[in-house]
PDB file of N, CA and C in Angstrom:
ATOM      1  N   MET A   1     194.877 296.838  81.319  1.00  0.00           N
ATOM      2  CA  MET A   1     195.088 296.676  79.901  1.00  0.00           C
ATOM      3  C   MET A   1     193.768 296.772  79.144  1.00  0.00           C
ATOM      4  N   ASN A   2     192.701 296.166  79.694  1.00  0.00           N
ATOM      5  CA  ASN A   2     191.409 296.196  79.028  1.00  0.00           C
ATOM      6  C   ASN A   2     190.819 297.605  78.993  1.00  0.00           C
ATOM      7  N   LYS A   3     191.084 298.392  80.039  1.00  0.00           N
ATOM      8  CA  LYS A   3     190.573 299.765  80.056  1.00  0.00           C
ATOM      9  C   LYS A   3     191.224 300.592  78.960  1.00  0.00           C
ATOM     10  N   ARG A   4     192.517 300.433  78.785  1.00  0.00           N
ATOM     11  CA  ARG A   4     193.214 301.168  77.721  1.00  0.00           C
ATOM     12  C   ARG A   4     192.698 300.745  76.345  1.00  0.00           C
ATOM     13  N   PHE A   5     192.471 299.467  76.195  1.00  0.00           N
ATOM     14  CA  PHE A   5     191.971 298.939  74.925  1.00  0.00           C
ATOM     15  C   PHE A   5     190.595 299.519  74.614  1.00  0.00           C
ATOM     16  N   SER A   6     189.725 299.562  75.608  1.00  0.00           N
ATOM     17  CA  SER A   6     188.379 300.092  75.385  1.00  0.00           C
ATOM     18  C   SER A   6     188.415 301.610  75.185  1.00  0.00           C
ATOM     19  N   LEU A   7     189.366 302.295  75.801  1.00  0.00           N
ATOM     20  CA  LEU A   7     189.482 303.736  75.604  1.00  0.00           C
ATOM     21  C   LEU A   7     189.938 304.068  74.180  1.00  0.00           C
ATOM     22  N   VAL A   8     190.650 303.170  73.569  1.00  0.00           N
ATOM     23  CA  VAL A   8     191.081 303.375  72.185  1.00  0.00           C
ATOM     24  C   VAL A   8     189.966 302.984  71.221  1.00  0.00           C
ATOM     25  N   LEU A   9     189.278 301.901  71.496  1.00  0.00           N
ATOM     26  CA  LEU A   9     188.267 301.389  70.571  1.00  0.00           C
ATOM     27  C   LEU A   9     186.995 302.225  70.546  1.00  0.00           C
ATOM     28  N   ALA A  10     186.599 302.803  71.651  1.00  0.00           N
ATOM     29  CA  ALA A  10     185.353 303.574  71.683  1.00  0.00           C
ATOM     30  C   ALA A  10     185.378 304.758  70.714  1.00  0.00           C
ATOM     31  N   PRO A  11     186.405 305.592  70.718  1.00  0.00           N
ATOM     32  CA  PRO A  11     186.428 306.689  69.741  1.00  0.00           C
ATOM     33  C   PRO A  11     186.533 306.197  68.298  1.00  0.00           C
ATOM     34  N   LEU A  12     187.247 305.102  68.084  1.00  0.00           N
ATOM     35  CA  LEU A  12     187.359 304.561  66.734  1.00  0.00           C
ATOM     36  C   LEU A  12     186.006 304.064  66.229  1.00  0.00           C
ATOM     37  N   ALA A  13     185.231 303.449  67.093  1.00  0.00           N
ATOM     38  CA  ALA A  13     183.905 302.976  66.700  1.00  0.00           C
ATOM     39  C   ALA A  13     182.999 304.153  66.385  1.00  0.00           C
ATOM     40  N   LEU A  14     183.099 305.205  67.174  1.00  0.00           N
ATOM     41  CA  LEU A  14     182.305 306.409  66.910  1.00  0.00           C
ATOM     42  C   LEU A  14     182.693 307.030  65.579  1.00  0.00           C
ATOM     43  N   LEU A  15     183.974 307.085  65.324  1.00  0.00           N
ATOM     44  CA  LEU A  15     184.462 307.652  64.069  1.00  0.00           C
ATOM     45  C   LEU A  15     184.004 306.814  62.883  1.00  0.00           C
ATOM     46  N   ALA A  16     184.039 305.513  63.024  1.00  0.00           N
ATOM     47  CA  ALA A  16     183.620 304.633  61.935  1.00  0.00           C
ATOM     48  C   ALA A  16     182.145 304.817  61.617  1.00  0.00           C
ATOM     49  N   SER A  17     181.316 304.976  62.617  1.00  0.00           N
ATOM     50  CA  SER A  17     179.886 305.161  62.357  1.00  0.00           C
ATOM     51  C   SER A  17     179.629 306.518  61.703  1.00  0.00           C
ATOM     52  N   GLN A  18     180.392 307.546  62.061  1.00  0.00           N
ATOM     53  CA  GLN A  18     180.223 308.851  61.440  1.00  0.00           C
ATOM     54  C   GLN A  18     180.708 308.836  59.996  1.00  0.00           C
ATOM     55  N   VAL A  19     181.766 308.127  59.718  1.00  0.00           N
ATOM     56  CA  VAL A  19     182.280 308.044  58.365  1.00  0.00           C
ATOM     57  C   VAL A  19     181.281 307.316  57.477  1.00  0.00           C
ATOM     58  N   HIS A  20     180.679 306.271  57.989  1.00  0.00           N
ATOM     59  CA  HIS A  20     179.693 305.516  57.215  1.00  0.00           C
ATOM     60  C   HIS A  20     178.469 306.376  56.917  1.00  0.00           C
ATOM     61  N   ALA A  21     178.079 307.216  57.827  1.00  0.00           N
ATOM     62  CA  ALA A  21     176.892 308.043  57.636  1.00  0.00           C
ATOM     63  C   ALA A  21     177.143 309.162  56.624  1.00  0.00           C
ATOM     64  N   ALA A  22     178.398 309.516  56.368  1.00  0.00           N
ATOM     65  CA  ALA A  22     178.701 310.644  55.493  1.00  0.00           C
ATOM     66  C   ALA A  22     178.843 310.253  54.023  1.00  0.00           C
ATOM     67  N   VAL A  23     178.629 308.968  53.694  1.00  0.00           N
ATOM     68  CA  VAL A  23     178.790 308.517  52.310  1.00  0.00           C
ATOM     69  C   VAL A  23     177.588 308.987  51.493  1.00  0.00           C
ATOM     70  N   PRO A  24     177.835 309.729  50.416  1.00  0.00           N
ATOM     71  CA  PRO A  24     176.729 310.191  49.578  1.00  0.00           C
ATOM     72  C   PRO A  24     176.056 309.035  48.835  1.00  0.00           C
ATOM     73  N   ALA A  25     174.845 309.262  48.419  1.00  0.00           N
ATOM     74  CA  ALA A  25     174.086 308.229  47.718  1.00  0.00           C
ATOM     75  C   ALA A  25     174.725 307.890  46.378  1.00  0.00           C
ATOM     76  N   ASP A  26     175.355 308.862  45.725  1.00  0.00           N
ATOM     77  CA  ASP A  26     176.013 308.606  44.449  1.00  0.00           C
ATOM     78  C   ASP A  26     177.143 307.586  44.596  1.00  0.00           C
ATOM     79  N   VAL A  27     177.862 307.667  45.697  1.00  0.00           N
ATOM     80  CA  VAL A  27     178.958 306.736  45.937  1.00  0.00           C
ATOM     81  C   VAL A  27     178.401 305.328  46.146  1.00  0.00           C
ATOM     82  N   THR A  28     177.339 305.225  46.904  1.00  0.00           N
ATOM     83  CA  THR A  28     176.711 303.930  47.136  1.00  0.00           C
ATOM     84  C   THR A  28     176.223 303.326  45.823  1.00  0.00           C
ATOM     85  N   THR A  29     175.631 304.156  44.985  1.00  0.00           N
ATOM     86  CA  THR A  29     175.157 303.687  43.681  1.00  0.00           C
ATOM     87  C   THR A  29     176.327 303.233  42.813  1.00  0.00           C
ATOM     88  N   ALA A  30     177.406 303.983  42.828  1.00  0.00           N
ATOM     89  CA  ALA A  30     178.582 303.618  42.037  1.00  0.00           C
ATOM     90  C   ALA A  30     179.176 302.293  42.508  1.00  0.00           C
ATOM     91  N   ILE A  31     179.225 302.091  43.803  1.00  0.00           N
ATOM     92  CA  ILE A  31     179.755 300.839  44.350  1.00  0.00           C
ATOM     93  C   ILE A  31     178.855 299.676  43.946  1.00  0.00           C
ATOM     94  N   THR A  32     177.558 299.876  43.992  1.00  0.00           N
ATOM     95  CA  THR A  32     176.624 298.830  43.575  1.00  0.00           C
ATOM     96  C   THR A  32     176.798 298.505  42.100  1.00  0.00           C
ATOM     97  N   ASP A  33     176.972 299.540  41.275  1.00  0.00           N
ATOM     98  CA  ASP A  33     177.195 299.320  39.843  1.00  0.00           C
ATOM     99  C   ASP A  33     178.494 298.573  39.593  1.00  0.00           C
ATOM    100  N   MET A  34     179.550 298.922  40.337  1.00  0.00           N
ATOM    101  CA  MET A  34     180.825 298.229  40.192  1.00  0.00           C
ATOM    102  C   MET A  34     180.694 296.764  40.589  1.00  0.00           C
ATOM    103  N   LYS A  35     179.893 296.503  41.612  1.00  0.00           N
ATOM    104  CA  LYS A  35     179.677 295.123  42.043  1.00  0.00           C
ATOM    105  C   LYS A  35     179.005 294.330  40.929  1.00  0.00           C
ATOM    106  N   ALA A  36     178.000 294.923  40.293  1.00  0.00           N
ATOM    107  CA  ALA A  36     177.312 294.247  39.192  1.00  0.00           C
ATOM    108  C   ALA A  36     178.256 294.030  38.010  1.00  0.00           C
ATOM    109  N   ASP A  37     179.060 295.031  37.689  1.00  0.00           N
ATOM    110  CA  ASP A  37     180.022 294.889  36.592  1.00  0.00           C
ATOM    111  C   ASP A  37     181.059 293.815  36.901  1.00  0.00           C
ATOM    112  N   GLY A  38     181.529 293.785  38.128  1.00  0.00           N
ATOM    113  CA  GLY A  38     182.500 292.772  38.534  1.00  0.00           C
ATOM    114  C   GLY A  38     181.922 291.373  38.442  1.00  0.00           C
ATOM    115  N   LEU A  39     180.671 291.233  38.807  1.00  0.00           N
ATOM    116  CA  LEU A  39     180.006 289.931  38.714  1.00  0.00           C
ATOM    117  C   LEU A  39     179.879 289.498  37.259  1.00  0.00           C
ATOM    118  N   THR A  40     179.582 290.455  36.378  1.00  0.00           N
ATOM    119  CA  THR A  40     179.486 290.149  34.945  1.00  0.00           C
ATOM    120  C   THR A  40     180.837 289.698  34.399  1.00  0.00           C
ATOM    121  N   VAL A  41     181.895 290.395  34.756  1.00  0.00           N
ATOM    122  CA  VAL A  41     183.236 290.031  34.288  1.00  0.00           C
ATOM    123  C   VAL A  41     183.645 288.677  34.849  1.00  0.00           C
ATOM    124  N   ALA A  42     183.379 288.445  36.119  1.00  0.00           N
ATOM    125  CA  ALA A  42     183.739 287.163  36.733  1.00  0.00           C
ATOM    126  C   ALA A  42     182.983 286.014  36.070  1.00  0.00           C
ATOM    127  N   THR A  43     181.721 286.231  35.734  1.00  0.00           N
ATOM    128  CA  THR A  43     180.941 285.203  35.054  1.00  0.00           C
ATOM    129  C   THR A  43     181.513 284.917  33.674  1.00  0.00           C
ATOM    130  N   ALA A  44     181.895 285.974  32.953  1.00  0.00           N
ATOM    131  CA  ALA A  44     182.482 285.785  31.616  1.00  0.00           C
ATOM    132  C   ALA A  44     183.790 285.012  31.702  1.00  0.00           C
ATOM    133  N   VAL A  45     184.613 285.306  32.681  1.00  0.00           N
ATOM    134  CA  VAL A  45     185.892 284.598  32.842  1.00  0.00           C
ATOM    135  C   VAL A  45     185.628 283.136  33.190  1.00  0.00           C
ATOM    136  N   LEU A  46     184.668 282.878  34.060  1.00  0.00           N
ATOM    137  CA  LEU A  46     184.345 281.511  34.440  1.00  0.00           C
ATOM    138  C   LEU A  46     183.851 280.712  33.233  1.00  0.00           C
ATOM    139  N   VAL A  47     182.990 281.315  32.419  1.00  0.00           N
ATOM    140  CA  VAL A  47     182.494 280.647  31.215  1.00  0.00           C
ATOM    141  C   VAL A  47     183.640 280.368  30.251  1.00  0.00           C
ATOM    142  N   ALA A  48     184.568 281.308  30.101  1.00  0.00           N
ATOM    143  CA  ALA A  48     185.712 281.114  29.213  1.00  0.00           C
ATOM    144  C   ALA A  48     186.599 279.979  29.712  1.00  0.00           C
ATOM    145  N   VAL A  49     186.844 279.903  30.994  1.00  0.00           N
ATOM    146  CA  VAL A  49     187.672 278.832  31.553  1.00  0.00           C
ATOM    147  C   VAL A  49     186.996 277.482  31.334  1.00  0.00           C
ATOM    148  N   ILE A  50     185.696 277.422  31.538  1.00  0.00           N
ATOM    149  CA  ILE A  50     184.960 276.168  31.319  1.00  0.00           C
ATOM    150  C   ILE A  50     185.010 275.778  29.848  1.00  0.00           C
ATOM    151  N   ALA A  51     184.873 276.746  28.955  1.00  0.00           N
ATOM    152  CA  ALA A  51     184.919 276.449  27.518  1.00  0.00           C
ATOM    153  C   ALA A  51     186.289 275.920  27.115  1.00  0.00           C
ATOM    154  N   VAL A  52     187.353 276.547  27.587  1.00  0.00           N
ATOM    155  CA  VAL A  52     188.705 276.081  27.260  1.00  0.00           C
ATOM    156  C   VAL A  52     188.927 274.680  27.821  1.00  0.00           C
ATOM    157  N   SER A  53     188.475 274.434  29.026  1.00  0.00           N
ATOM    158  CA  SER A  53     188.620 273.101  29.618  1.00  0.00           C
ATOM    159  C   SER A  53     187.838 272.066  28.819  1.00  0.00           C
ATOM    160  N   ALA A  54     186.649 272.421  28.372  1.00  0.00           N
ATOM    161  CA  ALA A  54     185.840 271.493  27.592  1.00  0.00           C
ATOM    162  C   ALA A  54     186.518 271.168  26.262  1.00  0.00           C
ATOM    163  N   VAL A  55     187.075 272.177  25.602  1.00  0.00           N
ATOM    164  CA  VAL A  55     187.766 271.946  24.336  1.00  0.00           C
ATOM    165  C   VAL A  55     188.977 271.038  24.553  1.00  0.00           C
ATOM    166  N   LYS A  56     189.748 271.271  25.594  1.00  0.00           N
ATOM    167  CA  LYS A  56     190.902 270.413  25.889  1.00  0.00           C
ATOM    168  C   LYS A  56     190.464 268.985  26.182  1.00  0.00           C
ATOM    169  N   PHE A  57     189.385 268.846  26.925  1.00  0.00           N
ATOM    170  CA  PHE A  57     188.868 267.518  27.265  1.00  0.00           C
ATOM    171  C   PHE A  57     188.409 266.772  26.014  1.00  0.00           C
ATOM    172  N   ILE A  58     187.720 267.474  25.120  1.00  0.00           N
ATOM    173  CA  ILE A  58     187.239 266.856  23.873  1.00  0.00           C
ATOM    174  C   ILE A  58     188.415 266.463  22.993  1.00  0.00           C
ATOM    175  N   ARG A  59     189.415 267.347  22.870  1.00  0.00           N
ATOM    176  CA  ARG A  59     190.596 267.037  22.051  1.00  0.00           C
ATOM    177  C   ARG A  59     191.333 265.816  22.594  1.00  0.00           C
ATOM    178  N   ARG A  60     191.444 265.721  23.893  1.00  0.00           N
ATOM    179  CA  ARG A  60     192.114 264.586  24.521  1.00  0.00           C
ATOM    180  C   ARG A  60     191.343 263.299  24.227  1.00  0.00           C
ATOM    181  N   GLY A  61     190.007 263.388  24.238  1.00  0.00           N
ATOM    182  CA  GLY A  61     189.186 262.212  23.967  1.00  0.00           C
ATOM    183  C   GLY A  61     189.252 261.788  22.513  1.00  0.00           C
ATOM    184  N   ILE A  62     189.347 262.739  21.591  1.00  0.00           N
ATOM    185  CA  ILE A  62     189.395 262.420  20.163  1.00  0.00           C
ATOM    186  C   ILE A  62     190.742 261.802  19.788  1.00  0.00           C
ATOM    187  N   SER A  63     191.827 262.380  20.306  1.00  0.00           N
ATOM    188  CA  SER A  63     193.158 261.910  19.900  1.00  0.00           C
ATOM    189  C   SER A  63     193.605 260.678  20.684  1.00  0.00           C
ATOM    190  N   GLY A  64     192.988 260.394  21.786  1.00  0.00           N
ATOM    191  CA  GLY A  64     193.494 259.348  22.645  1.00  0.00           C
ATOM    192  C   GLY A  64     192.845 258.057  22.462  1.00  0.00           C
TER     193      GLY A  64
END
Protein backbone atom coordinates (compact mmCIF):
# COMPACT_ATOMS: atom_id res chain seq x y z
CA MET A 1 0.00 0.00 0.00
CA ASN A 2 2.83 2.41 0.85
CA LYS A 3 4.56 1.74 -2.47
CA ARG A 4 1.43 2.64 -4.41
CA PHE A 5 0.99 5.77 -2.31
CA SER A 6 4.57 6.89 -2.96
CA LEU A 7 4.24 6.10 -6.67
CA VAL A 8 1.30 8.49 -6.84
CA LEU A 9 2.81 11.23 -4.68
CA ALA A 10 6.21 11.44 -6.36
CA PRO A 11 4.90 12.62 -9.76
CA LEU A 12 2.46 14.98 -8.05
CA ALA A 13 5.28 16.57 -6.06
CA LEU A 14 7.32 16.97 -9.23
CA LEU A 15 4.38 18.55 -10.99
CA ALA A 16 3.75 20.92 -8.11
CA SER A 17 7.34 22.16 -8.12
CA GLN A 18 7.21 22.73 -11.89
CA VAL A 19 3.94 24.62 -11.64
CA HIS A 20 5.36 26.86 -8.93
CA ALA A 21 8.42 27.63 -11.04
CA ALA A 22 6.30 28.68 -14.03
CA VAL A 23 4.53 31.57 -12.24
CA PRO A 24 5.45 34.88 -13.89
CA ALA A 25 6.71 37.76 -11.80
CA ASP A 26 3.65 39.85 -12.72
CA VAL A 27 1.38 37.28 -11.10
CA THR A 28 3.46 37.27 -7.94
CA THR A 29 3.33 41.06 -7.83
CA ALA A 30 -0.44 41.04 -8.34
CA ILE A 31 -0.92 38.53 -5.53
CA THR A 32 1.23 40.66 -3.23
CA ASP A 33 -0.80 43.75 -4.13
CA MET A 34 -4.05 41.88 -3.48
CA LYS A 35 -2.72 40.81 -0.09
CA ALA A 36 -1.97 44.44 0.80
CA ASP A 37 -5.39 45.57 -0.42
CA GLY A 38 -7.09 42.80 1.55
CA LEU A 39 -5.23 43.82 4.68
CA THR A 40 -6.35 47.43 4.18
CA VAL A 41 -9.99 46.38 3.76
CA ALA A 42 -9.83 44.05 6.76
CA THR A 43 -8.36 46.84 8.89
CA ALA A 44 -11.11 49.24 7.80
CA VAL A 45 -13.81 46.68 8.66
CA LEU A 46 -12.22 46.02 12.05
CA VAL A 47 -12.09 49.75 12.84
CA ALA A 48 -15.74 50.13 11.78
CA VAL A 49 -16.83 47.24 14.01
CA ILE A 50 -14.93 48.71 16.96
CA ALA A 51 -16.48 52.14 16.33
CA VAL A 52 -20.01 50.73 16.19
CA SER A 53 -19.39 48.73 19.37
CA ALA A 54 -18.03 51.82 21.12
CA VAL A 55 -21.06 53.89 20.12
CA LYS A 56 -23.43 51.17 21.39
CA PHE A 57 -21.47 50.91 24.63
CA ILE A 58 -21.58 54.69 25.17
CA ARG A 59 -25.32 54.85 24.40
CA ARG A 60 -25.99 52.04 26.86
CA GLY A 61 -23.99 53.89 29.52
CA ILE A 62 -25.77 57.21 28.93
CA SER A 63 -29.31 55.82 28.94
CA GLY A 64 -28.83 53.28 31.69
